[in-house]
């Protein structure tokens, strides 16, 4: 008899249809990325193929690092929470101090009113008695009164002269204990804090050579920031723009507001790494 032909390329063969996976199954195997904070969008880098950078539509800020709300680094979140807790504690202490000062002021005003009332009730006897107060005692009282007025004016003047915002350039060197030990320069940073400080000191020694010329100092600072800073502000020469109180890490804020315009800081350590800061405005 003739052989029965087996299945081959000339014979149609039916294959069972594969079931279409449900959306839930797709999401379970390919979960979506963490949501970005309001105002942030991701862009593919044209200058660094394969990399993504993040742009804030409200502030115009660009950064390579993932914005805070999408960071999954639990240690970094913990450190940030601790910083916020410290700020809240300081704010509470300041409010308590202001309450005490207000209470003291009210007590002083009440005592002053009471003294005036007693003086009026005693009539001319008190008036005559006050005339016998030694001259040096009256002079001392008047001197204290003038001193208080002078101090008050000095405090008001100082508070008015303090800026609401400052603008700075900075160079950041991250290390293996940084909140996020990675940057646009290096995907994983392994150097120690001491090594990072050493690298930053070398940059500061270069900057110190042109400290007498403000324009040259700024130009040199910007050039070094573009190649040496681990912050996403490197592309802007280290410029983080204007910022007010409680917008940066406490150590960075304190150092920035403590500088005069054109003045450069020493080494400033924060959870992000070690910085050198130059105030522009």
Protein backbone atom coordinates (compact mmCIF):
# COMPACT_ATOMS: atom_id res chain seq x y z
CA UNK A 1 0.00 0.00 0.00
CA UNK A 2 1.00 3.66 -0.38
CA UNK A 3 2.45 5.55 2.57
CA UNK A 4 0.24 8.01 4.34
CA UNK A 5 1.77 11.49 4.02
CA UNK A 6 2.65 13.07 7.33
CA UNK A 7 2.34 16.72 8.25
CA UNK A 8 4.72 18.97 6.38
CA UNK A 9 5.05 22.37 4.84
CA UNK A 10 2.54 21.43 2.10
CA UNK A 11 -0.19 20.54 4.58
CA UNK A 12 -2.30 23.02 6.54
CA UNK A 13 -1.99 22.58 10.26
CA UNK A 14 -4.29 24.21 12.80
CA UNK A 15 -2.74 25.67 15.99
CA UNK A 16 -4.80 26.55 19.06
CA UNK A 17 -5.24 30.27 19.63
CA UNK A 18 -3.27 31.68 22.55
CA UNK A 19 -5.48 33.48 25.07
CA UNK A 20 -5.00 37.26 25.26
CA UNK A 21 -3.57 38.17 28.71
CA UNK A 22 -5.82 40.34 30.83
CA UNK A 23 -4.78 43.91 31.71
CA UNK A 24 -4.34 42.79 35.33
CA UNK A 25 -1.91 40.06 34.25
CA UNK A 26 0.04 42.56 32.14
CA UNK A 27 0.30 45.02 35.04
CA UNK A 28 1.40 42.27 37.44
CA UNK A 29 4.35 41.35 35.21
CA UNK A 30 5.10 44.89 33.98
CA UNK A 31 4.14 47.31 36.78
CA UNK A 32 4.04 51.00 35.80
CA UNK A 33 6.82 53.28 37.09
CA UNK A 34 6.28 55.38 40.21
CA UNK A 35 4.26 58.54 39.57
CA UNK A 36 6.30 61.74 39.27
CA UNK A 37 5.47 64.71 41.53
CA UNK A 38 3.21 67.47 40.18
CA UNK A 39 4.90 69.52 37.49
CA UNK A 40 7.64 66.98 36.68
CA UNK A 41 7.89 65.22 33.30
CA UNK A 42 10.48 62.81 31.89
CA UNK A 43 12.41 63.47 28.65
CA UNK A 44 14.81 61.29 26.68
CA UNK A 45 18.23 62.90 26.56
CA UNK A 46 19.52 63.87 23.12
CA UNK A 47 23.08 64.45 24.33
CA UNK A 48 23.18 61.24 26.42
CA UNK A 49 21.39 58.51 24.40
CA UNK A 50 19.71 55.91 26.59
CA UNK A 51 19.40 58.34 29.53
CA UNK A 52 16.29 60.12 30.79
CA UNK A 53 16.26 63.51 32.51
CA UNK A 54 13.43 65.19 34.42
CA UNK A 55 12.02 68.68 33.83
CA UNK A 56 9.86 70.76 36.19
CA UNK A 57 7.28 72.74 34.21
CA UNK A 58 6.67 75.16 37.09
CA UNK A 59 10.24 76.05 38.13
CA UNK A 60 12.18 75.22 34.94
CA UNK A 61 14.53 72.95 36.89
CA UNK A 62 16.28 70.10 35.04
CA UNK A 63 17.80 67.12 36.84
CA UNK A 64 19.17 63.66 36.12
CA UNK A 65 18.16 62.33 39.55
CA UNK A 66 14.63 61.02 39.99
CA UNK A 67 12.44 63.67 41.74
CA UNK A 68 11.86 63.00 45.42
CA UNK A 69 8.27 61.64 45.27
CA UNK A 70 9.35 58.90 42.85
CA UNK A 71 12.48 57.84 44.75
CA UNK A 72 12.18 54.40 46.25
CA UNK A 73 15.34 54.64 48.33
CA UNK A 74 13.94 54.05 51.82
CA UNK A 75 17.08 55.28 53.52
CA UNK A 76 16.89 58.57 51.65
CA UNK A 77 13.23 58.98 52.56
CA UNK A 78 14.03 58.27 56.20
CA UNK A 79 16.75 60.93 56.22
CA UNK A 80 14.42 63.43 54.58
CA UNK A 81 11.71 62.74 57.17
CA UNK A 82 14.28 63.27 59.93
CA UNK A 83 15.29 66.60 58.38
CA UNK A 84 11.66 67.69 58.17
CA UNK A 85 11.12 66.63 61.78
CA UNK A 86 14.13 68.71 62.86
CA UNK A 87 12.81 71.71 60.95
CA UNK A 88 9.39 71.29 62.55
CA UNK A 89 11.04 71.07 65.98
CA UNK A 90 13.02 74.26 65.38
CA UNK A 91 9.88 76.00 64.15
CA UNK A 92 7.97 74.90 67.26
CA UNK A 93 10.81 76.13 69.50
CA UNK A 94 10.84 79.48 67.69
CA UNK A 95 7.07 79.83 68.09
CA UNK A 96 7.35 78.99 71.79
CA UNK A 97 10.11 81.57 72.18
CA UNK A 98 7.97 84.21 70.48
CA UNK A 99 5.03 83.34 72.76
CA UNK A 100 7.25 83.78 75.83
CA UNK A 101 8.50 87.13 74.52
CA UNK A 102 4.93 88.27 73.86
CA UNK A 103 3.87 87.18 77.34
CA UNK A 104 6.82 89.02 78.88
CA UNK A 105 5.91 92.13 76.91
CA UNK A 106 2.31 91.97 78.13
CA UNK A 107 3.51 91.55 81.74
CA UNK A 108 5.83 94.54 81.38
CA UNK A 109 2.99 96.65 80.00
CA UNK A 110 0.70 95.56 82.84
CA UNK A 111 3.35 96.46 85.44
CA UNK A 112 3.87 99.84 83.76
CA UNK A 113 0.13 100.60 83.90
CA UNK A 114 0.03 99.51 87.54
CA UNK A 115 2.95 101.78 88.43
CA UNK A 116 1.28 104.72 86.72
CA UNK A 117 -1.93 104.00 88.58
CA UNK A 118 -0.11 103.86 91.95
CA UNK A 119 1.68 107.09 91.15
CA UNK A 120 -1.61 108.85 90.44
CA UNK A 121 -3.23 107.52 93.62
CA UNK A 122 -0.37 108.70 95.83
CA UNK A 123 -0.63 112.25 94.48
CA UNK A 124 2.01 114.83 95.39
CA UNK A 125 3.63 112.59 98.03
CA UNK A 126 4.94 110.27 95.33
CA UNK A 127 5.85 113.22 93.19
CA UNK A 128 7.86 114.72 96.07
CA UNK A 129 9.39 111.33 96.82
CA UNK A 130 10.49 110.90 93.23
CA UNK A 131 12.19 114.24 93.44
CA UNK A 132 14.46 112.79 96.14
CA UNK A 133 15.60 109.84 94.00
CA UNK A 134 19.35 110.14 93.60
CA UNK A 135 20.42 111.73 90.35
CA UNK A 136 22.65 108.83 89.31
CA UNK A 137 19.67 106.41 89.66
CA UNK A 138 17.51 108.53 87.34
CA UNK A 139 20.38 108.81 84.87
CA UNK A 140 20.88 105.04 84.90
CA UNK A 141 17.17 104.44 84.26
CA UNK A 142 17.17 106.90 81.36
CA UNK A 143 20.31 105.27 79.93
CA UNK A 144 18.68 101.80 80.06
CA UNK A 145 15.56 103.17 78.36
CA UNK A 146 17.65 104.70 75.55
CA UNK A 147 19.64 101.46 75.21
CA UNK A 148 16.46 99.42 74.84
CA UNK A 149 15.22 101.78 72.13
CA UNK A 150 18.56 101.58 70.32
CA UNK A 151 18.56 97.75 70.49
CA UNK A 152 15.01 97.62 69.12
CA UNK A 153 15.93 99.86 66.19
CA UNK A 154 19.07 97.77 65.50
CA UNK A 155 17.02 94.54 65.50
CA UNK A 156 14.43 96.00 63.11
CA UNK A 157 17.19 97.25 60.80
CA UNK A 158 18.92 93.86 60.79
CA UNK A 159 15.67 91.99 60.03
CA UNK A 160 14.92 94.34 57.12
CA UNK A 161 18.41 93.90 55.63
CA UNK A 162 18.25 90.09 55.73
CA UNK A 163 17.38 88.78 52.23
CA UNK A 164 14.22 86.77 51.63
CA UNK A 165 15.95 84.79 48.87
CA UNK A 166 19.50 84.10 47.73
CA UNK A 167 21.02 82.82 44.49
CA UNK A 168 24.06 80.54 44.57
CA UNK A 169 26.30 78.33 42.46
CA UNK A 170 27.52 75.11 44.02
CA UNK A 171 29.70 72.10 43.29
CA UNK A 172 28.55 68.81 44.84
CA UNK A 173 30.75 65.79 45.46
CA UNK A 174 28.78 62.69 46.40
CA UNK A 175 30.17 59.68 48.30
CA UNK A 176 29.06 56.18 49.26
CA UNK A 177 27.15 57.49 52.29
CA UNK A 178 25.21 60.09 50.28
CA UNK A 179 21.44 59.90 50.30
CA UNK A 180 21.56 58.84 46.66
CA UNK A 181 25.09 57.65 45.73
CA UNK A 182 24.67 58.10 41.96
CA UNK A 183 24.77 61.00 39.51
CA UNK A 184 24.87 61.93 35.84
CA UNK A 185 28.64 61.45 36.04
CA UNK A 186 28.62 57.98 37.59
CA UNK A 187 25.84 55.39 37.96
CA UNK A 188 27.28 54.11 41.25
CA UNK A 189 29.50 56.22 43.49
CA UNK A 190 31.79 54.20 45.78
CA UNK A 191 34.31 56.73 47.10
CA UNK A 192 34.30 57.52 50.83
CA UNK A 193 33.31 60.86 52.34
CA UNK A 194 36.97 61.58 53.10
CA UNK A 195 37.91 60.98 49.47
CA UNK A 196 35.07 63.24 48.29
CA UNK A 197 36.31 65.99 50.63
CA UNK A 198 39.82 65.53 49.23
CA UNK A 199 38.56 65.98 45.66
CA UNK A 200 36.56 69.05 46.68
CA UNK A 201 39.61 70.58 48.41
CA UNK A 202 41.57 70.28 45.15
CA UNK A 203 38.82 72.25 43.36
CA UNK A 204 38.74 74.86 46.13
CA UNK A 205 42.51 75.36 45.81
CA UNK A 206 41.99 76.16 42.11
CA UNK A 207 39.18 78.60 42.97
CA UNK A 208 41.27 80.26 45.70
CA UNK A 209 43.77 81.36 43.05
CA UNK A 210 41.20 83.69 41.44
CA UNK A 211 39.26 84.83 44.54
CA UNK A 212 40.46 88.42 44.13
CA UNK A 213 38.72 88.77 40.75
CA UNK A 214 34.94 88.27 41.10
CA UNK A 215 34.34 87.71 37.36
CA UNK A 216 37.19 85.23 37.02
CA UNK A 217 36.07 83.40 40.17
CA UNK A 218 32.53 82.99 38.85
CA UNK A 219 33.72 81.86 35.39
CA UNK A 220 36.14 79.33 36.88
CA UNK A 221 33.50 78.08 39.32
CA UNK A 222 30.99 77.52 36.50
CA UNK A 223 33.52 75.66 34.34
CA UNK A 224 34.52 73.34 37.19
CA UNK A 225 30.87 72.72 38.11
CA UNK A 226 30.03 71.64 34.54
CA UNK A 227 32.56 68.79 34.65
CA UNK A 228 33.06 68.00 38.35
CA UNK A 229 29.71 68.51 40.12
CA UNK A 230 27.53 65.46 40.86
CA UNK A 231 24.40 67.66 40.92
CA UNK A 232 22.08 68.00 37.93
CA UNK A 233 22.71 71.77 38.15
CA UNK A 234 26.13 71.05 36.61
CA UNK A 235 24.71 71.73 33.14
CA UNK A 236 23.95 75.29 34.32
CA UNK A 237 27.40 75.81 35.78
CA UNK A 238 26.17 74.84 39.27
CA UNK A 239 23.45 77.53 39.33
CA UNK A 240 20.49 76.50 41.52
CA UNK A 241 18.72 79.84 41.04
CA UNK A 242 16.98 81.89 43.73
CA UNK A 243 15.50 80.12 46.75
CA UNK A 244 14.06 81.14 50.11
CA UNK A 245 14.07 79.72 53.59
CA UNK A 246 13.16 76.05 54.13
CA UNK A 247 13.63 75.22 50.42
CA UNK A 248 17.01 73.48 50.74
CA UNK A 249 18.63 71.14 53.23
CA UNK A 250 19.26 73.01 56.52
CA UNK A 251 23.07 72.97 56.28
CA UNK A 252 23.00 74.21 52.68
CA UNK A 253 20.48 76.94 53.53
CA UNK A 254 22.46 78.13 56.56
CA UNK A 255 25.69 78.38 54.59
CA UNK A 256 24.05 80.12 51.60
CA UNK A 257 22.25 82.80 53.65
CA UNK A 258 25.41 83.33 55.71
CA UNK A 259 27.50 84.38 52.70
CA UNK A 260 27.90 87.87 51.33
CA UNK A 261 27.34 88.38 47.60
CA UNK A 262 30.48 87.22 45.80
CA UNK A 263 31.71 85.24 48.81
CA UNK A 264 32.62 81.55 48.61
CA UNK A 265 32.03 79.05 51.39
CA UNK A 266 34.25 76.37 52.81
CA UNK A 267 33.21 72.72 52.67
CA UNK A 268 29.52 72.23 53.54
CA UNK A 269 28.31 68.72 54.36
CA UNK A 270 24.69 67.60 53.78
CA UNK A 271 22.85 64.32 53.25
CA UNK A 272 23.52 64.69 49.53
CA UNK A 273 27.30 64.93 49.89
CA UNK A 274 29.86 67.73 50.34
CA UNK A 275 29.53 71.13 48.65
CA UNK A 276 31.36 74.39 48.01
CA UNK A 277 29.01 77.36 47.48
CA UNK A 278 29.41 80.75 45.77
CA UNK A 279 26.69 83.33 46.40
CA UNK A 280 25.64 85.42 43.39
CA UNK A 281 22.66 87.37 44.73
